[in-house]
Amino acid sequence: MKRFRFSLHALWVLRGQQEELARRRFAESLRAVDQAAAAVRHARAVLAWAAEAFQARALAGACAAELQQERTWLQQLEEVLRRRIQVWQAACSASEAAREQWLQARRQREMLDRYHQRQRHAWQQAWLRGEQKELDELARRRATGSGTGALGHLQTGSMP
């Protein structure tokens, strides 16, 4: 019997490569989320430090011009924090989209894996039936005395 050959082998390999690429994109998106979250934490820490400094200067009796400058600085830090939060949210959305793409690619590859397994199982069953048929034929020949006694006429292949 012929060796097993998966008829969709090229597509199977392609789906595996697509899944790997989607997995890598998802991993990269998770790193981007982590970096954006770290930037948000840093901006919050700087803003908290600046707010404490502003409060301390206000309680110390700083002049209005200095307080206005520090207030402007606080507003700029708040804007930086808002932008970083937006970047983090966008990274989270992109990560979720990358995760969905990875899961879709994985489902498509798994579908082909199951088809490959069914096809291989069917081939193995056919191979076993062929082997059994040849063994039955050999036993029948021996029982009727028409066999030559040699096994050279059998063309059994080895199962991979």
C-alpha atoms as a PDB file:
ATOM      1  CA  MET A   1       0.000   0.000   0.000  1.00  0.00           C
ATOM      2  CA  LYS A   2       1.169   3.538  -0.667  1.00  0.00           C
ATOM      3  CA  ARG A   3       2.644   5.683   2.060  1.00  0.00           C
ATOM      4  CA  PHE A   4       0.318   8.081   3.801  1.00  0.00           C
ATOM      5  CA  ARG A   5       0.166  11.458   2.122  1.00  0.00           C
ATOM      6  CA  PHE A   6      -1.934  14.302   3.478  1.00  0.00           C
ATOM      7  CA  SER A   7      -3.587  15.945   0.503  1.00  0.00           C
ATOM      8  CA  LEU A   8      -3.758  19.345   2.200  1.00  0.00           C
ATOM      9  CA  HIS A   9      -0.205  19.309   3.547  1.00  0.00           C
ATOM     10  CA  ALA A  10       0.729  22.686   2.014  1.00  0.00           C
ATOM     11  CA  LEU A  11      -2.353  24.337   3.518  1.00  0.00           C
ATOM     12  CA  TRP A  12      -1.646  22.606   6.840  1.00  0.00           C
ATOM     13  CA  VAL A  13       1.884  24.072   6.906  1.00  0.00           C
ATOM     14  CA  LEU A  14       0.560  27.499   5.904  1.00  0.00           C
ATOM     15  CA  ARG A  15      -2.044  27.474   8.683  1.00  0.00           C
ATOM     16  CA  GLY A  16       0.667  26.539  11.192  1.00  0.00           C
ATOM     17  CA  GLN A  17       2.798  29.457  10.012  1.00  0.00           C
ATOM     18  CA  GLN A  18      -0.186  31.821  10.174  1.00  0.00           C
ATOM     19  CA  GLU A  19      -0.910  30.708  13.713  1.00  0.00           C
ATOM     20  CA  GLU A  20       2.707  31.269  14.753  1.00  0.00           C
ATOM     21  CA  LEU A  21       2.718  34.740  13.192  1.00  0.00           C
ATOM     22  CA  ALA A  22      -0.552  35.636  14.927  1.00  0.00           C
ATOM     23  CA  ARG A  23       0.843  34.335  18.231  1.00  0.00           C
ATOM     24  CA  ARG A  24       3.932  36.518  17.837  1.00  0.00           C
ATOM     25  CA  ARG A  25       1.794  39.569  17.048  1.00  0.00           C
ATOM     26  CA  PHE A  26      -0.271  38.894  20.157  1.00  0.00           C
ATOM     27  CA  ALA A  27       2.888  38.595  22.276  1.00  0.00           C
ATOM     28  CA  GLU A  28       4.171  41.889  20.841  1.00  0.00           C
ATOM     29  CA  SER A  29       0.845  43.552  21.596  1.00  0.00           C
ATOM     30  CA  LEU A  30       1.055  42.334  25.204  1.00  0.00           C
ATOM     31  CA  ARG A  31       4.510  43.874  25.493  1.00  0.00           C
ATOM     32  CA  ALA A  32       3.097  47.145  24.109  1.00  0.00           C
ATOM     33  CA  VAL A  33       0.321  47.052  26.724  1.00  0.00           C
ATOM     34  CA  ASP A  34       2.902  46.507  29.469  1.00  0.00           C
ATOM     35  CA  GLN A  35       5.023  49.412  28.204  1.00  0.00           C
ATOM     36  CA  ALA A  36       1.994  51.706  27.974  1.00  0.00           C
ATOM     37  CA  ALA A  37       0.902  50.713  31.482  1.00  0.00           C
ATOM     38  CA  ALA A  38       4.388  51.481  32.792  1.00  0.00           C
ATOM     39  CA  ALA A  39       4.234  54.898  31.104  1.00  0.00           C
ATOM     40  CA  VAL A  40       0.852  55.570  32.759  1.00  0.00           C
ATOM     41  CA  ARG A  41       2.224  54.546  36.168  1.00  0.00           C
ATOM     42  CA  HIS A  42       5.229  56.824  35.671  1.00  0.00           C
ATOM     43  CA  ALA A  43       3.057  59.782  34.601  1.00  0.00           C
ATOM     44  CA  ARG A  44       0.806  59.256  37.630  1.00  0.00           C
ATOM     45  CA  ALA A  45       3.805  59.181  39.947  1.00  0.00           C
ATOM     46  CA  VAL A  46       5.237  62.382  38.452  1.00  0.00           C
ATOM     47  CA  LEU A  47       1.834  64.066  38.658  1.00  0.00           C
ATOM     48  CA  ALA A  48       1.432  63.014  42.313  1.00  0.00           C
ATOM     49  CA  TRP A  49       4.903  64.309  43.124  1.00  0.00           C
ATOM     50  CA  ALA A  50       4.183  67.627  41.347  1.00  0.00           C
ATOM     51  CA  ALA A  51       0.818  67.975  43.121  1.00  0.00           C
ATOM     52  CA  GLU A  52       2.490  67.439  46.494  1.00  0.00           C
ATOM     53  CA  ALA A  53       5.146  70.006  45.615  1.00  0.00           C
ATOM     54  CA  PHE A  54       2.470  72.495  44.532  1.00  0.00           C
ATOM     55  CA  GLN A  55       0.541  71.972  47.747  1.00  0.00           C
ATOM     56  CA  ALA A  56       3.691  72.387  49.831  1.00  0.00           C
ATOM     57  CA  ARG A  57       4.586  75.648  48.066  1.00  0.00           C
ATOM     58  CA  ALA A  58       1.048  76.948  48.429  1.00  0.00           C
ATOM     59  CA  LEU A  59       1.081  76.202  52.166  1.00  0.00           C
ATOM     60  CA  ALA A  60       4.520  77.791  52.463  1.00  0.00           C
ATOM     61  CA  GLY A  61       3.077  81.030  51.119  1.00  0.00           C
ATOM     62  CA  ALA A  62       4.620  81.244  47.651  1.00  0.00           C
ATOM     63  CA  CYS A  63       3.712  84.191  45.490  1.00  0.00           C
ATOM     64  CA  ALA A  64       0.812  83.973  43.020  1.00  0.00           C
ATOM     65  CA  ALA A  65       3.069  84.049  39.927  1.00  0.00           C
ATOM     66  CA  GLU A  66       5.037  81.015  41.095  1.00  0.00           C
ATOM     67  CA  LEU A  67       1.834  79.165  41.972  1.00  0.00           C
ATOM     68  CA  GLN A  68       0.389  79.977  38.548  1.00  0.00           C
ATOM     69  CA  GLN A  69       3.506  78.527  36.867  1.00  0.00           C
ATOM     70  CA  GLU A  70       3.258  75.372  38.935  1.00  0.00           C
ATOM     71  CA  ARG A  71      -0.455  75.111  38.216  1.00  0.00           C
ATOM     72  CA  THR A  72       0.279  75.350  34.482  1.00  0.00           C
ATOM     73  CA  TRP A  73       2.914  72.651  34.958  1.00  0.00           C
ATOM     74  CA  LEU A  74       0.352  70.439  36.725  1.00  0.00           C
ATOM     75  CA  GLN A  75      -2.122  70.934  33.886  1.00  0.00           C
ATOM     76  CA  GLN A  76       0.547  69.897  31.377  1.00  0.00           C
ATOM     77  CA  LEU A  77       1.336  66.801  33.438  1.00  0.00           C
ATOM     78  CA  GLU A  78      -2.380  65.953  33.570  1.00  0.00           C
ATOM     79  CA  GLU A  79      -2.528  66.236  29.768  1.00  0.00           C
ATOM     80  CA  VAL A  80       0.490  63.945  29.464  1.00  0.00           C
ATOM     81  CA  LEU A  81      -1.261  61.464  31.741  1.00  0.00           C
ATOM     82  CA  ARG A  82      -4.471  61.628  29.646  1.00  0.00           C
ATOM     83  CA  ARG A  83      -2.505  60.973  26.442  1.00  0.00           C
ATOM     84  CA  ARG A  84      -0.686  58.050  28.009  1.00  0.00           C
ATOM     85  CA  ILE A  85      -3.959  56.576  29.211  1.00  0.00           C
ATOM     86  CA  GLN A  86      -5.317  56.887  25.674  1.00  0.00           C
ATOM     87  CA  VAL A  87      -2.224  55.122  24.320  1.00  0.00           C
ATOM     88  CA  TRP A  88      -2.645  52.387  26.928  1.00  0.00           C
ATOM     89  CA  GLN A  89      -6.332  51.952  26.033  1.00  0.00           C
ATOM     90  CA  ALA A  90      -5.473  51.770  22.335  1.00  0.00           C
ATOM     91  CA  ALA A  91      -2.794  49.180  23.110  1.00  0.00           C
ATOM     92  CA  CYS A  92      -5.340  47.149  25.086  1.00  0.00           C
ATOM     93  CA  SER A  93      -7.774  47.263  22.160  1.00  0.00           C
ATOM     94  CA  ALA A  94      -5.043  46.278  19.702  1.00  0.00           C
ATOM     95  CA  SER A  95      -4.000  43.461  21.999  1.00  0.00           C
ATOM     96  CA  GLU A  96      -7.544  42.135  22.174  1.00  0.00           C
ATOM     97  CA  ALA A  97      -7.801  42.248  18.368  1.00  0.00           C
ATOM     98  CA  ALA A  98      -4.455  40.422  18.069  1.00  0.00           C
ATOM     99  CA  ARG A  99      -5.679  37.824  20.561  1.00  0.00           C
ATOM    100  CA  GLU A 100      -8.822  37.241  18.506  1.00  0.00           C
ATOM    101  CA  GLN A 101      -6.747  36.869  15.323  1.00  0.00           C
ATOM    102  CA  TRP A 102      -4.483  34.375  17.082  1.00  0.00           C
ATOM    103  CA  LEU A 103      -7.448  32.371  18.354  1.00  0.00           C
ATOM    104  CA  GLN A 104      -8.999  32.354  14.868  1.00  0.00           C
ATOM    105  CA  ALA A 105      -5.729  31.169  13.316  1.00  0.00           C
ATOM    106  CA  ARG A 106      -5.451  28.491  16.003  1.00  0.00           C
ATOM    107  CA  ARG A 107      -8.993  27.264  15.348  1.00  0.00           C
ATOM    108  CA  GLN A 108      -8.300  27.039  11.616  1.00  0.00           C
ATOM    109  CA  ARG A 109      -5.090  25.085  12.220  1.00  0.00           C
ATOM    110  CA  GLU A 110      -6.805  22.772  14.713  1.00  0.00           C
ATOM    111  CA  MET A 111      -9.573  22.125  12.200  1.00  0.00           C
ATOM    112  CA  LEU A 112      -6.961  20.970   9.683  1.00  0.00           C
ATOM    113  CA  ASP A 113      -5.236  18.920  12.405  1.00  0.00           C
ATOM    114  CA  ARG A 114      -8.473  17.057  13.068  1.00  0.00           C
ATOM    115  CA  TYR A 115      -8.985  16.470   9.329  1.00  0.00           C
ATOM    116  CA  HIS A 116      -5.369  15.243   9.083  1.00  0.00           C
ATOM    117  CA  GLN A 117      -5.944  12.829  11.959  1.00  0.00           C
ATOM    118  CA  ARG A 118      -9.175  11.502  10.419  1.00  0.00           C
ATOM    119  CA  GLN A 119      -7.500  11.051   7.050  1.00  0.00           C
ATOM    120  CA  ARG A 120      -4.496   9.290   8.633  1.00  0.00           C
ATOM    121  CA  HIS A 121      -6.808   7.056  10.692  1.00  0.00           C
ATOM    122  CA  ALA A 122      -8.773   6.110   7.559  1.00  0.00           C
ATOM    123  CA  TRP A 123      -5.495   5.315   5.774  1.00  0.00           C
ATOM    124  CA  GLN A 124      -4.349   3.143   8.715  1.00  0.00           C
ATOM    125  CA  GLN A 125      -7.647   1.285   8.759  1.00  0.00           C
ATOM    126  CA  ALA A 126      -7.399   0.651   5.013  1.00  0.00           C
ATOM    127  CA  TRP A 127      -3.815  -0.509   5.460  1.00  0.00           C
ATOM    128  CA  LEU A 128      -4.840  -2.893   8.258  1.00  0.00           C
ATOM    129  CA  ARG A 129      -7.725  -4.234   6.161  1.00  0.00           C
ATOM    130  CA  GLY A 130      -5.279  -4.836   3.286  1.00  0.00           C
ATOM    131  CA  GLU A 131      -2.882  -6.657   5.611  1.00  0.00           C
ATOM    132  CA  GLN A 132      -5.693  -8.772   7.012  1.00  0.00           C
ATOM    133  CA  LYS A 133      -6.918  -9.559   3.512  1.00  0.00           C
ATOM    134  CA  GLU A 134      -3.450 -10.741   2.476  1.00  0.00           C
ATOM    135  CA  LEU A 135      -3.118 -12.848   5.628  1.00  0.00           C
ATOM    136  CA  ASP A 136      -6.546 -14.376   5.015  1.00  0.00           C
ATOM    137  CA  GLU A 137      -5.564 -15.137   1.419  1.00  0.00           C
ATOM    138  CA  LEU A 138      -2.339 -16.775   2.600  1.00  0.00           C
ATOM    139  CA  ALA A 139      -4.250 -18.867   5.161  1.00  0.00           C
ATOM    140  CA  ARG A 140      -6.814 -19.862   2.528  1.00  0.00           C
ATOM    141  CA  ARG A 141      -4.070 -20.965   0.113  1.00  0.00           C
ATOM    142  CA  ARG A 142      -2.353 -22.993   2.793  1.00  0.00           C
ATOM    143  CA  ALA A 143      -5.625 -24.589   3.816  1.00  0.00           C
ATOM    144  CA  THR A 144      -6.478 -25.598   0.238  1.00  0.00           C
ATOM    145  CA  GLY A 145      -2.892 -26.605  -0.546  1.00  0.00           C
ATOM    146  CA  SER A 146      -2.615 -24.221  -3.490  1.00  0.00           C
ATOM    147  CA  GLY A 147       0.056 -22.069  -1.876  1.00  0.00           C
ATOM    148  CA  THR A 148       3.695 -22.334  -2.823  1.00  0.00           C
ATOM    149  CA  GLY A 149       4.799 -22.139   0.767  1.00  0.00           C
ATOM    150  CA  ALA A 150       6.934 -19.085   0.172  1.00  0.00           C
ATOM    151  CA  LEU A 151       5.948 -15.620   1.254  1.00  0.00           C
ATOM    152  CA  GLY A 152       7.594 -13.960  -1.744  1.00  0.00           C
ATOM    153  CA  HIS A 153       4.324 -13.356  -3.576  1.00  0.00           C
ATOM    154  CA  LEU A 154       2.957 -11.130  -0.785  1.00  0.00           C
ATOM    155  CA  GLN A 155       3.566  -7.441  -1.194  1.00  0.00           C
ATOM    156  CA  THR A 156       3.087  -6.225   2.310  1.00  0.00           C
ATOM    157  CA  GLY A 157       4.480  -2.870   3.229  1.00  0.00           C
ATOM    158  CA  SER A 158       5.483  -1.754   6.649  1.00  0.00           C
ATOM    159  CA  MET A 159       3.236   0.594   8.476  1.00  0.00           C
ATOM    160  CA  PRO A 160       4.915   3.902   9.301  1.00  0.00           C
END
